[in-house]
Amino acid sequence: MVRGQLCADAAARVGVISREHGIGQAKRAYLEANLGTTAVEAIRASKRALEP
């Protein structure tokens, strides 16, 4: 509950829920709401291209 409120607050302030160290399992559910579908698709495409 608190995590969701924190992520919503970050989005309302035009912030992001993650930085250098990645998103992690805990915030994964909030990623698309925070960054948007297009950004998440681009992240996934680059991850697939770069990771073995």
C-alpha atoms as a PDB file:
ATOM      1  CA  MET A   1       0.000   0.000   0.000  1.00  0.00           C
ATOM      2  CA  VAL A   2       2.679   2.500   0.989  1.00  0.00           C
ATOM      3  CA  ARG A   3       4.860   1.538  -1.990  1.00  0.00           C
ATOM      4  CA  GLY A   4       1.991   2.280  -4.356  1.00  0.00           C
ATOM      5  CA  GLN A   5       1.427   5.661  -2.744  1.00  0.00           C
ATOM      6  CA  LEU A   6       5.125   6.518  -3.011  1.00  0.00           C
ATOM      7  CA  CYS A   7       5.215   5.540  -6.688  1.00  0.00           C
ATOM      8  CA  ALA A   8       2.080   7.568  -7.394  1.00  0.00           C
ATOM      9  CA  ASP A   9       3.607  10.555  -5.618  1.00  0.00           C
ATOM     10  CA  ALA A  10       6.792  10.268  -7.695  1.00  0.00           C
ATOM     11  CA  ALA A  11       4.744  10.183 -10.901  1.00  0.00           C
ATOM     12  CA  ALA A  12       2.647  13.175  -9.798  1.00  0.00           C
ATOM     13  CA  ARG A  13       5.858  15.140  -9.260  1.00  0.00           C
ATOM     14  CA  VAL A  14       7.096  14.080 -12.731  1.00  0.00           C
ATOM     15  CA  GLY A  15       9.751  11.925 -11.093  1.00  0.00           C
ATOM     16  CA  VAL A  16      10.782   8.356 -11.692  1.00  0.00           C
ATOM     17  CA  ILE A  17      10.597   5.367  -9.387  1.00  0.00           C
ATOM     18  CA  SER A  18      14.049   4.046 -10.198  1.00  0.00           C
ATOM     19  CA  ARG A  19      17.552   5.201 -10.973  1.00  0.00           C
ATOM     20  CA  GLU A  20      20.923   3.593 -11.629  1.00  0.00           C
ATOM     21  CA  HIS A  21      20.290   0.327  -9.867  1.00  0.00           C
ATOM     22  CA  GLY A  22      17.256  -0.839 -11.798  1.00  0.00           C
ATOM     23  CA  ILE A  23      13.621  -1.305 -11.013  1.00  0.00           C
ATOM     24  CA  GLY A  24      13.588  -4.501  -8.969  1.00  0.00           C
ATOM     25  CA  GLN A  25      10.714  -6.870  -8.339  1.00  0.00           C
ATOM     26  CA  ALA A  26       8.973  -4.623  -5.826  1.00  0.00           C
ATOM     27  CA  LYS A  27       8.404  -1.686  -8.185  1.00  0.00           C
ATOM     28  CA  ARG A  28       7.959  -3.607 -11.422  1.00  0.00           C
ATOM     29  CA  ALA A  29       4.161  -3.330 -11.234  1.00  0.00           C
ATOM     30  CA  TYR A  30       4.418   0.479 -11.180  1.00  0.00           C
ATOM     31  CA  LEU A  31       6.933   0.928 -13.991  1.00  0.00           C
ATOM     32  CA  GLU A  32       4.525   1.329 -16.900  1.00  0.00           C
ATOM     33  CA  ALA A  33       2.322   3.758 -14.985  1.00  0.00           C
ATOM     34  CA  ASN A  34       5.405   5.825 -14.152  1.00  0.00           C
ATOM     35  CA  LEU A  35       7.227   5.826 -17.501  1.00  0.00           C
ATOM     36  CA  GLY A  36       4.535   5.000 -20.049  1.00  0.00           C
ATOM     37  CA  THR A  37       4.047   2.060 -22.384  1.00  0.00           C
ATOM     38  CA  THR A  38       6.363   3.321 -25.129  1.00  0.00           C
ATOM     39  CA  ALA A  39       9.293   3.811 -22.741  1.00  0.00           C
ATOM     40  CA  VAL A  40       8.805   0.393 -21.147  1.00  0.00           C
ATOM     41  CA  GLU A  41       8.693  -1.284 -24.573  1.00  0.00           C
ATOM     42  CA  ALA A  42      11.922   0.505 -25.550  1.00  0.00           C
ATOM     43  CA  ILE A  43      13.604  -0.605 -22.324  1.00  0.00           C
ATOM     44  CA  ARG A  44      12.537  -4.212 -22.882  1.00  0.00           C
ATOM     45  CA  ALA A  45      13.709  -4.156 -26.516  1.00  0.00           C
ATOM     46  CA  SER A  46      17.140  -2.817 -25.567  1.00  0.00           C
ATOM     47  CA  LYS A  47      17.413  -5.338 -22.734  1.00  0.00           C
ATOM     48  CA  ARG A  48      16.626  -8.212 -25.125  1.00  0.00           C
ATOM     49  CA  ALA A  49      19.184  -6.913 -27.619  1.00  0.00           C
ATOM     50  CA  LEU A  50      21.991  -6.454 -25.110  1.00  0.00           C
ATOM     51  CA  GLU A  51      21.587  -9.322 -22.676  1.00  0.00           C
ATOM     52  CA  PRO A  52      22.620 -12.835 -23.623  1.00  0.00           C
END
